[in-house]
């Protein structure tokens, strides 16, 4: 079943054959249920809902499933997958508009649990999400003040990631910064983060953070096209690219993507002076 899921992931998330990938995901789930593989079911559900199903089903339902996955996986004794499920739930909750106060408490609790279980890399990734939440609720709490963590802030983490070539994790931080900046209308800063984002890494991938990044990149791009006339063409290309992607994704899930697609189109028309 996990081998078949890897095939689904390649189809859906990498080759962007979303319908075919989604079809085979449902087949893998039925296989496990047919053979009553109770230990594998929650783990497979985790990887399914954290990587592709949200391209077809409501994002909020995926968030809810990930919340319950943690408990189910702990019941079969797999601590690493349980922590991973909690991490994805935090990320999904923040990106889908869940209560920020609840998300802050969950991120804080998860960091302590990750420290107890010596999940060092996961702590840093969770701290980046936690940092975004803290900024959005106006808190000056330090998400990196965790025993065993030697980095004083996110800038230091980012410097280390860039110097060590860990651009996948670095991109996650850039995504969080772009999203946060948009909420505070700091579009110039968001544009700077977009310029630093390693677009060649995972190009075309449909992991949720990349999907959401495409939306915010589009919003910032149209804003920059209007405020930076010397770079107008470059930013318009980025904006139109975001529209094309969301137009395609809307055919798979109007619930998740149509509102964002229409907003990007409105920004495009406004940038063209078509009011």
C-alpha atoms as a PDB file:
ATOM      1  CA  UNK A   1       0.000   0.000   0.000  1.00  0.00           C
ATOM      2  CA  UNK A   2       2.825   2.438   0.799  1.00  0.00           C
ATOM      3  CA  UNK A   3       4.468   1.604  -2.515  1.00  0.00           C
ATOM      4  CA  UNK A   4       1.199   2.346  -4.276  1.00  0.00           C
ATOM      5  CA  UNK A   5       0.889   5.573  -2.307  1.00  0.00           C
ATOM      6  CA  UNK A   6       4.365   6.610  -3.521  1.00  0.00           C
ATOM      7  CA  UNK A   7       3.022   6.091  -7.036  1.00  0.00           C
ATOM      8  CA  UNK A   8      -0.003   8.253  -6.168  1.00  0.00           C
ATOM      9  CA  UNK A   9       2.267  10.970  -4.812  1.00  0.00           C
ATOM     10  CA  UNK A  10       4.347  11.021  -7.993  1.00  0.00           C
ATOM     11  CA  UNK A  11       1.201  11.164 -10.118  1.00  0.00           C
ATOM     12  CA  UNK A  12      -0.568  13.858  -8.149  1.00  0.00           C
ATOM     13  CA  UNK A  13       2.028  16.025  -6.421  1.00  0.00           C
ATOM     14  CA  UNK A  14       4.885  15.824  -8.923  1.00  0.00           C
ATOM     15  CA  UNK A  15       3.275  15.160 -12.321  1.00  0.00           C
ATOM     16  CA  UNK A  16       0.108  17.055 -11.321  1.00  0.00           C
ATOM     17  CA  UNK A  17      -2.227  14.350 -12.608  1.00  0.00           C
ATOM     18  CA  UNK A  18      -4.485  15.117  -9.669  1.00  0.00           C
ATOM     19  CA  UNK A  19      -7.521  13.043 -10.645  1.00  0.00           C
ATOM     20  CA  UNK A  20      -5.504   9.891 -11.288  1.00  0.00           C
ATOM     21  CA  UNK A  21      -3.444  10.320  -8.130  1.00  0.00           C
ATOM     22  CA  UNK A  22      -6.605  10.870  -6.081  1.00  0.00           C
ATOM     23  CA  UNK A  23      -8.211   7.750  -7.581  1.00  0.00           C
ATOM     24  CA  UNK A  24      -5.309   5.527  -6.566  1.00  0.00           C
ATOM     25  CA  UNK A  25      -5.151   7.060  -3.113  1.00  0.00           C
ATOM     26  CA  UNK A  26      -8.696   5.836  -2.510  1.00  0.00           C
ATOM     27  CA  UNK A  27      -7.692   2.394  -3.808  1.00  0.00           C
ATOM     28  CA  UNK A  28      -4.828   2.167  -1.288  1.00  0.00           C
ATOM     29  CA  UNK A  29      -7.197   3.089   1.532  1.00  0.00           C
ATOM     30  CA  UNK A  30      -9.674   0.398   0.487  1.00  0.00           C
ATOM     31  CA  UNK A  31      -6.873  -2.171   0.321  1.00  0.00           C
ATOM     32  CA  UNK A  32      -5.849  -1.567   3.913  1.00  0.00           C
ATOM     33  CA  UNK A  33      -9.437  -1.634   5.128  1.00  0.00           C
ATOM     34  CA  UNK A  34     -10.083  -4.849   3.194  1.00  0.00           C
ATOM     35  CA  UNK A  35      -7.170  -6.613   4.902  1.00  0.00           C
ATOM     36  CA  UNK A  36      -7.933  -5.018   8.286  1.00  0.00           C
ATOM     37  CA  UNK A  37      -4.426  -3.533   8.555  1.00  0.00           C
ATOM     38  CA  UNK A  38      -5.239  -1.529  11.682  1.00  0.00           C
ATOM     39  CA  UNK A  39      -1.624  -0.534  12.414  1.00  0.00           C
ATOM     40  CA  UNK A  40      -0.987   0.839   8.931  1.00  0.00           C
ATOM     41  CA  UNK A  41      -4.330   2.584   8.336  1.00  0.00           C
ATOM     42  CA  UNK A  42      -3.700   5.705  10.473  1.00  0.00           C
ATOM     43  CA  UNK A  43      -0.155   6.159   9.114  1.00  0.00           C
ATOM     44  CA  UNK A  44      -1.308   5.875   5.522  1.00  0.00           C
ATOM     45  CA  UNK A  45      -4.161   8.277   6.266  1.00  0.00           C
ATOM     46  CA  UNK A  46      -1.572  10.757   7.541  1.00  0.00           C
ATOM     47  CA  UNK A  47       0.504  10.713   4.368  1.00  0.00           C
ATOM     48  CA  UNK A  48      -2.633  10.819   2.208  1.00  0.00           C
ATOM     49  CA  UNK A  49      -4.187  13.839   3.880  1.00  0.00           C
ATOM     50  CA  UNK A  50      -0.940  15.769   4.256  1.00  0.00           C
ATOM     51  CA  UNK A  51       0.089  15.601   0.587  1.00  0.00           C
ATOM     52  CA  UNK A  52      -2.700  15.363  -2.016  1.00  0.00           C
ATOM     53  CA  UNK A  53      -6.277  14.858  -0.850  1.00  0.00           C
ATOM     54  CA  UNK A  54      -6.706  18.586  -0.140  1.00  0.00           C
ATOM     55  CA  UNK A  55      -6.496  19.163  -3.901  1.00  0.00           C
ATOM     56  CA  UNK A  56      -9.900  17.460  -4.182  1.00  0.00           C
ATOM     57  CA  UNK A  57     -11.551  17.582  -0.753  1.00  0.00           C
ATOM     58  CA  UNK A  58     -12.169  20.607   1.524  1.00  0.00           C
ATOM     59  CA  UNK A  59      -9.012  21.744   3.296  1.00  0.00           C
ATOM     60  CA  UNK A  60     -10.861  21.962   6.590  1.00  0.00           C
ATOM     61  CA  UNK A  61     -11.713  18.261   6.466  1.00  0.00           C
ATOM     62  CA  UNK A  62      -8.037  17.374   5.944  1.00  0.00           C
ATOM     63  CA  UNK A  63      -7.129  19.490   8.970  1.00  0.00           C
ATOM     64  CA  UNK A  64      -9.674  17.647  11.091  1.00  0.00           C
ATOM     65  CA  UNK A  65      -8.429  14.230   9.932  1.00  0.00           C
ATOM     66  CA  UNK A  66      -4.819  15.124  10.782  1.00  0.00           C
ATOM     67  CA  UNK A  67      -5.888  16.128  14.290  1.00  0.00           C
ATOM     68  CA  UNK A  68      -7.385  12.700  14.956  1.00  0.00           C
ATOM     69  CA  UNK A  69      -4.550  10.874  13.156  1.00  0.00           C
ATOM     70  CA  UNK A  70      -2.156  11.809  15.930  1.00  0.00           C
ATOM     71  CA  UNK A  71      -4.179   9.950  18.544  1.00  0.00           C
ATOM     72  CA  UNK A  72      -4.740   6.944  16.274  1.00  0.00           C
ATOM     73  CA  UNK A  73      -1.042   6.659  15.448  1.00  0.00           C
ATOM     74  CA  UNK A  74      -0.034   6.946  19.107  1.00  0.00           C
ATOM     75  CA  UNK A  75      -2.363   4.029  19.808  1.00  0.00           C
ATOM     76  CA  UNK A  76      -0.212   1.809  17.565  1.00  0.00           C
ATOM     77  CA  UNK A  77       2.998   3.096  19.184  1.00  0.00           C
ATOM     78  CA  UNK A  78       4.569   5.078  16.334  1.00  0.00           C
ATOM     79  CA  UNK A  79       5.806   8.250  18.046  1.00  0.00           C
ATOM     80  CA  UNK A  80       7.602   9.683  15.004  1.00  0.00           C
ATOM     81  CA  UNK A  81       4.521   9.530  12.773  1.00  0.00           C
ATOM     82  CA  UNK A  82       2.343  10.881  15.587  1.00  0.00           C
ATOM     83  CA  UNK A  83       4.605  13.933  15.940  1.00  0.00           C
ATOM     84  CA  UNK A  84       4.588  14.372  12.159  1.00  0.00           C
ATOM     85  CA  UNK A  85       0.795  14.312  12.160  1.00  0.00           C
ATOM     86  CA  UNK A  86       0.669  16.975  14.879  1.00  0.00           C
ATOM     87  CA  UNK A  87       3.158  19.112  12.940  1.00  0.00           C
ATOM     88  CA  UNK A  88       1.088  18.943   9.743  1.00  0.00           C
ATOM     89  CA  UNK A  89      -2.078  19.697  11.698  1.00  0.00           C
ATOM     90  CA  UNK A  90      -0.512  22.890  13.077  1.00  0.00           C
ATOM     91  CA  UNK A  91       0.558  23.963   9.605  1.00  0.00           C
ATOM     92  CA  UNK A  92      -2.814  23.179   8.018  1.00  0.00           C
ATOM     93  CA  UNK A  93      -4.730  24.875  10.839  1.00  0.00           C
ATOM     94  CA  UNK A  94      -2.805  28.126  10.427  1.00  0.00           C
ATOM     95  CA  UNK A  95      -3.044  28.148   6.613  1.00  0.00           C
ATOM     96  CA  UNK A  96      -6.782  27.377   6.595  1.00  0.00           C
ATOM     97  CA  UNK A  97      -7.937  30.054   9.021  1.00  0.00           C
ATOM     98  CA  UNK A  98      -8.324  28.136  12.279  1.00  0.00           C
ATOM     99  CA  UNK A  99      -8.344  29.904  15.653  1.00  0.00           C
ATOM    100  CA  UNK A 100      -4.919  31.488  16.072  1.00  0.00           C
ATOM    101  CA  UNK A 101      -5.080  31.334  19.864  1.00  0.00           C
ATOM    102  CA  UNK A 102      -5.695  27.591  19.700  1.00  0.00           C
ATOM    103  CA  UNK A 103      -2.963  27.189  17.084  1.00  0.00           C
ATOM    104  CA  UNK A 104      -0.508  29.058  19.334  1.00  0.00           C
ATOM    105  CA  UNK A 105      -1.216  26.752  22.261  1.00  0.00           C
ATOM    106  CA  UNK A 106      -0.858  23.687  20.055  1.00  0.00           C
ATOM    107  CA  UNK A 107       2.446  24.883  18.540  1.00  0.00           C
ATOM    108  CA  UNK A 108       3.824  25.647  21.985  1.00  0.00           C
ATOM    109  CA  UNK A 109       2.793  22.265  23.378  1.00  0.00           C
ATOM    110  CA  UNK A 110       4.156  20.471  20.323  1.00  0.00           C
ATOM    111  CA  UNK A 111       7.572  22.142  20.621  1.00  0.00           C
ATOM    112  CA  UNK A 112       7.885  20.889  24.201  1.00  0.00           C
ATOM    113  CA  UNK A 113       6.866  17.393  23.163  1.00  0.00           C
ATOM    114  CA  UNK A 114       9.344  17.427  20.273  1.00  0.00           C
ATOM    115  CA  UNK A 115      12.104  18.475  22.683  1.00  0.00           C
ATOM    116  CA  UNK A 116      11.199  15.640  25.057  1.00  0.00           C
ATOM    117  CA  UNK A 117      11.344  13.165  22.184  1.00  0.00           C
ATOM    118  CA  UNK A 118      14.581  14.684  20.767  1.00  0.00           C
ATOM    119  CA  UNK A 119      13.014  15.645  17.419  1.00  0.00           C
ATOM    120  CA  UNK A 120      15.490  18.498  16.788  1.00  0.00           C
ATOM    121  CA  UNK A 121      14.777  19.180  13.104  1.00  0.00           C
ATOM    122  CA  UNK A 122      11.038  19.049  13.721  1.00  0.00           C
ATOM    123  CA  UNK A 123      11.363  21.541  16.574  1.00  0.00           C
ATOM    124  CA  UNK A 124      12.867  24.149  14.248  1.00  0.00           C
ATOM    125  CA  UNK A 125      10.218  23.607  11.588  1.00  0.00           C
ATOM    126  CA  UNK A 126       7.471  23.887  14.191  1.00  0.00           C
ATOM    127  CA  UNK A 127       9.109  26.984  15.701  1.00  0.00           C
ATOM    128  CA  UNK A 128       8.888  28.708  12.312  1.00  0.00           C
ATOM    129  CA  UNK A 129       5.137  28.057  12.144  1.00  0.00           C
ATOM    130  CA  UNK A 130       4.814  29.100  15.793  1.00  0.00           C
ATOM    131  CA  UNK A 131       6.682  32.336  15.011  1.00  0.00           C
ATOM    132  CA  UNK A 132       4.184  33.154  12.262  1.00  0.00           C
ATOM    133  CA  UNK A 133       1.250  32.569  14.625  1.00  0.00           C
ATOM    134  CA  UNK A 134       2.796  34.696  17.380  1.00  0.00           C
ATOM    135  CA  UNK A 135       3.268  37.605  14.982  1.00  0.00           C
ATOM    136  CA  UNK A 136      -0.330  37.363  13.808  1.00  0.00           C
ATOM    137  CA  UNK A 137      -1.688  37.525  17.366  1.00  0.00           C
ATOM    138  CA  UNK A 138       0.690  40.346  18.321  1.00  0.00           C
ATOM    139  CA  UNK A 139       2.731  38.395  20.854  1.00  0.00           C
ATOM    140  CA  UNK A 140       6.425  39.033  21.557  1.00  0.00           C
ATOM    141  CA  UNK A 141       6.922  35.509  22.896  1.00  0.00           C
ATOM    142  CA  UNK A 142      10.082  33.816  21.592  1.00  0.00           C
ATOM    143  CA  UNK A 143       9.269  30.497  19.839  1.00  0.00           C
ATOM    144  CA  UNK A 144      12.984  29.608  19.739  1.00  0.00           C
ATOM    145  CA  UNK A 145      13.387  29.768  23.523  1.00  0.00           C
ATOM    146  CA  UNK A 146      13.391  25.987  23.779  1.00  0.00           C
ATOM    147  CA  UNK A 147      15.920  23.958  25.805  1.00  0.00           C
ATOM    148  CA  UNK A 148      18.579  22.509  23.541  1.00  0.00           C
ATOM    149  CA  UNK A 149      18.031  25.009  20.715  1.00  0.00           C
ATOM    150  CA  UNK A 150      21.155  27.077  20.060  1.00  0.00           C
ATOM    151  CA  UNK A 151      19.668  29.530  17.554  1.00  0.00           C
ATOM    152  CA  UNK A 152      18.635  32.858  19.022  1.00  0.00           C
ATOM    153  CA  UNK A 153      16.071  33.709  16.348  1.00  0.00           C
ATOM    154  CA  UNK A 154      14.673  32.780  12.940  1.00  0.00           C
ATOM    155  CA  UNK A 155      17.240  34.897  11.065  1.00  0.00           C
ATOM    156  CA  UNK A 156      20.028  32.803  12.544  1.00  0.00           C
ATOM    157  CA  UNK A 157      18.216  29.594  11.598  1.00  0.00           C
ATOM    158  CA  UNK A 158      17.743  30.873   8.065  1.00  0.00           C
ATOM    159  CA  UNK A 159      21.415  31.848   7.734  1.00  0.00           C
ATOM    160  CA  UNK A 160      22.407  28.343   8.793  1.00  0.00           C
ATOM    161  CA  UNK A 161      19.975  26.726   6.355  1.00  0.00           C
ATOM    162  CA  UNK A 162      21.190  28.817   3.438  1.00  0.00           C
ATOM    163  CA  UNK A 163      24.873  28.205   4.210  1.00  0.00           C
ATOM    164  CA  UNK A 164      24.325  24.456   4.618  1.00  0.00           C
ATOM    165  CA  UNK A 165      22.259  24.145   1.434  1.00  0.00           C
ATOM    166  CA  UNK A 166      19.018  23.113   3.167  1.00  0.00           C
ATOM    167  CA  UNK A 167      16.896  25.166   0.780  1.00  0.00           C
ATOM    168  CA  UNK A 168      13.735  23.076   1.266  1.00  0.00           C
ATOM    169  CA  UNK A 169      13.445  24.135   4.907  1.00  0.00           C
ATOM    170  CA  UNK A 170      14.649  27.649   4.021  1.00  0.00           C
ATOM    171  CA  UNK A 171      11.779  27.893   1.534  1.00  0.00           C
ATOM    172  CA  UNK A 172       9.316  26.994   4.302  1.00  0.00           C
ATOM    173  CA  UNK A 173      10.518  29.989   6.299  1.00  0.00           C
ATOM    174  CA  UNK A 174      10.266  32.272   3.258  1.00  0.00           C
ATOM    175  CA  UNK A 175       6.690  31.058   2.708  1.00  0.00           C
ATOM    176  CA  UNK A 176       5.743  31.802   6.316  1.00  0.00           C
ATOM    177  CA  UNK A 177       7.281  35.263   6.010  1.00  0.00           C
ATOM    178  CA  UNK A 178       5.453  36.061   2.773  1.00  0.00           C
ATOM    179  CA  UNK A 179       2.109  34.988   4.250  1.00  0.00           C
ATOM    180  CA  UNK A 180       2.665  36.983   7.441  1.00  0.00           C
ATOM    181  CA  UNK A 181       3.800  40.072   5.541  1.00  0.00           C
ATOM    182  CA  UNK A 182       0.664  39.995   3.388  1.00  0.00           C
ATOM    183  CA  UNK A 183      -1.548  39.984   6.471  1.00  0.00           C
ATOM    184  CA  UNK A 184       0.193  43.133   7.672  1.00  0.00           C
ATOM    185  CA  UNK A 185       0.265  44.672   4.177  1.00  0.00           C
ATOM    186  CA  UNK A 186       4.059  44.733   4.163  1.00  0.00           C
ATOM    187  CA  UNK A 187       4.197  44.041   0.457  1.00  0.00           C
ATOM    188  CA  UNK A 188       7.708  45.364  -0.120  1.00  0.00           C
ATOM    189  CA  UNK A 189       9.084  42.981   2.490  1.00  0.00           C
ATOM    190  CA  UNK A 190       6.995  40.135   1.045  1.00  0.00           C
ATOM    191  CA  UNK A 191       8.459  40.893  -2.394  1.00  0.00           C
ATOM    192  CA  UNK A 192      11.984  40.720  -0.952  1.00  0.00           C
ATOM    193  CA  UNK A 193      11.205  37.275   0.503  1.00  0.00           C
ATOM    194  CA  UNK A 194       9.795  36.134  -2.849  1.00  0.00           C
ATOM    195  CA  UNK A 195      13.047  37.208  -4.506  1.00  0.00           C
ATOM    196  CA  UNK A 196      14.981  34.998  -2.062  1.00  0.00           C
ATOM    197  CA  UNK A 197      12.652  32.010  -2.403  1.00  0.00           C
ATOM    198  CA  UNK A 198      14.333  29.081  -4.198  1.00  0.00           C
ATOM    199  CA  UNK A 199      11.730  28.595  -6.931  1.00  0.00           C
ATOM    200  CA  UNK A 200      13.772  25.890  -8.638  1.00  0.00           C
ATOM    201  CA  UNK A 201      13.373  23.557  -5.634  1.00  0.00           C
ATOM    202  CA  UNK A 202      10.357  21.281  -5.857  1.00  0.00           C
ATOM    203  CA  UNK A 203       9.104  23.178  -8.880  1.00  0.00           C
ATOM    204  CA  UNK A 204       5.570  22.062  -9.675  1.00  0.00           C
ATOM    205  CA  UNK A 205       5.151  20.306  -6.329  1.00  0.00           C
ATOM    206  CA  UNK A 206       1.650  20.384  -4.842  1.00  0.00           C
ATOM    207  CA  UNK A 207       2.510  20.242  -1.150  1.00  0.00           C
ATOM    208  CA  UNK A 208       0.115  22.562   0.694  1.00  0.00           C
ATOM    209  CA  UNK A 209       2.674  25.224   1.599  1.00  0.00           C
ATOM    210  CA  UNK A 210       3.670  25.550  -2.079  1.00  0.00           C
ATOM    211  CA  UNK A 211       0.022  25.739  -3.153  1.00  0.00           C
ATOM    212  CA  UNK A 212      -0.708  28.506  -0.653  1.00  0.00           C
ATOM    213  CA  UNK A 213       2.544  30.273  -1.524  1.00  0.00           C
ATOM    214  CA  UNK A 214       1.427  30.512  -5.159  1.00  0.00           C
ATOM    215  CA  UNK A 215      -1.628  32.518  -4.054  1.00  0.00           C
ATOM    216  CA  UNK A 216       0.292  34.992  -1.901  1.00  0.00           C
ATOM    217  CA  UNK A 217       3.038  35.308  -4.491  1.00  0.00           C
ATOM    218  CA  UNK A 218       0.356  36.236  -7.029  1.00  0.00           C
ATOM    219  CA  UNK A 219      -1.140  38.907  -4.755  1.00  0.00           C
ATOM    220  CA  UNK A 220       2.258  40.442  -4.066  1.00  0.00           C
ATOM    221  CA  UNK A 221       3.255  40.230  -7.720  1.00  0.00           C
ATOM    222  CA  UNK A 222       0.320  42.337  -8.926  1.00  0.00           C
ATOM    223  CA  UNK A 223       0.940  44.830  -6.145  1.00  0.00           C
ATOM    224  CA  UNK A 224       4.601  45.123  -7.163  1.00  0.00           C
ATOM    225  CA  UNK A 225       3.672  45.422 -10.847  1.00  0.00           C
ATOM    226  CA  UNK A 226       1.767  48.585  -9.917  1.00  0.00           C
ATOM    227  CA  UNK A 227       4.347  50.027  -7.504  1.00  0.00           C
ATOM    228  CA  UNK A 228       7.558  49.068  -9.331  1.00  0.00           C
ATOM    229  CA  UNK A 229       7.036  50.161 -12.947  1.00  0.00           C
ATOM    230  CA  UNK A 230      10.620  49.317 -13.911  1.00  0.00           C
ATOM    231  CA  UNK A 231      10.003  45.676 -12.993  1.00  0.00           C
ATOM    232  CA  UNK A 232       6.353  45.576 -14.075  1.00  0.00           C
ATOM    233  CA  UNK A 233       6.796  42.838 -16.692  1.00  0.00           C
ATOM    234  CA  UNK A 234       8.639  40.489 -14.318  1.00  0.00           C
ATOM    235  CA  UNK A 235       5.982  40.789 -11.646  1.00  0.00           C
ATOM    236  CA  UNK A 236       3.085  40.470 -14.079  1.00  0.00           C
ATOM    237  CA  UNK A 237       4.546  37.182 -15.312  1.00  0.00           C
ATOM    238  CA  UNK A 238       4.572  35.876 -11.728  1.00  0.00           C
ATOM    239  CA  UNK A 239       1.015  37.071 -11.162  1.00  0.00           C
ATOM    240  CA  UNK A 240      -0.354  35.518 -14.349  1.00  0.00           C
ATOM    241  CA  UNK A 241       1.416  32.267 -13.528  1.00  0.00           C
ATOM    242  CA  UNK A 242      -0.420  32.160 -10.196  1.00  0.00           C
ATOM    243  CA  UNK A 243      -3.743  32.746 -11.980  1.00  0.00           C
ATOM    244  CA  UNK A 244      -3.096  29.889 -14.410  1.00  0.00           C
ATOM    245  CA  UNK A 245      -2.321  27.490 -11.576  1.00  0.00           C
ATOM    246  CA  UNK A 246      -5.367  28.449  -9.553  1.00  0.00           C
ATOM    247  CA  UNK A 247      -7.593  28.262 -12.612  1.00  0.00           C
ATOM    248  CA  UNK A 248      -6.456  24.652 -13.092  1.00  0.00           C
ATOM    249  CA  UNK A 249      -6.812  23.762  -9.419  1.00  0.00           C
ATOM    250  CA  UNK A 250     -10.306  25.247  -9.318  1.00  0.00           C
ATOM    251  CA  UNK A 251     -11.442  22.555 -11.764  1.00  0.00           C
ATOM    252  CA  UNK A 252     -10.512  19.999  -9.090  1.00  0.00           C
ATOM    253  CA  UNK A 253     -11.957  21.795  -6.070  1.00  0.00           C
ATOM    254  CA  UNK A 254     -14.054  24.935  -6.330  1.00  0.00           C
ATOM    255  CA  UNK A 255     -14.436  24.960  -2.552  1.00  0.00           C
ATOM    256  CA  UNK A 256     -10.707  25.293  -1.926  1.00  0.00           C
ATOM    257  CA  UNK A 257      -9.515  27.365  -4.851  1.00  0.00           C
ATOM    258  CA  UNK A 258     -12.218  29.347  -6.675  1.00  0.00           C
ATOM    259  CA  UNK A 259     -12.263  32.264  -4.225  1.00  0.00           C
ATOM    260  CA  UNK A 260      -8.508  32.686  -4.518  1.00  0.00           C
ATOM    261  CA  UNK A 261      -8.610  32.331  -8.288  1.00  0.00           C
ATOM    262  CA  UNK A 262     -11.240  35.083  -8.576  1.00  0.00           C
ATOM    263  CA  UNK A 263      -9.303  37.373  -6.256  1.00  0.00           C
ATOM    264  CA  UNK A 264      -6.144  36.934  -8.326  1.00  0.00           C
ATOM    265  CA  UNK A 265      -8.120  37.690 -11.503  1.00  0.00           C
ATOM    266  CA  UNK A 266      -9.496  40.843  -9.902  1.00  0.00           C
ATOM    267  CA  UNK A 267      -5.958  41.945  -9.010  1.00  0.00           C
ATOM    268  CA  UNK A 268      -4.867  41.296 -12.583  1.00  0.00           C
ATOM    269  CA  UNK A 269      -7.695  43.392 -14.019  1.00  0.00           C
ATOM    270  CA  UNK A 270      -7.008  46.196 -11.561  1.00  0.00           C
ATOM    271  CA  UNK A 271      -3.317  46.169 -12.548  1.00  0.00           C
ATOM    272  CA  UNK A 272      -4.400  46.582 -16.178  1.00  0.00           C
ATOM    273  CA  UNK A 273      -6.588  49.558 -15.277  1.00  0.00           C
ATOM    274  CA  UNK A 274      -9.730  47.559 -16.018  1.00  0.00           C
ATOM    275  CA  UNK A 275     -11.992  48.597 -13.157  1.00  0.00           C
END
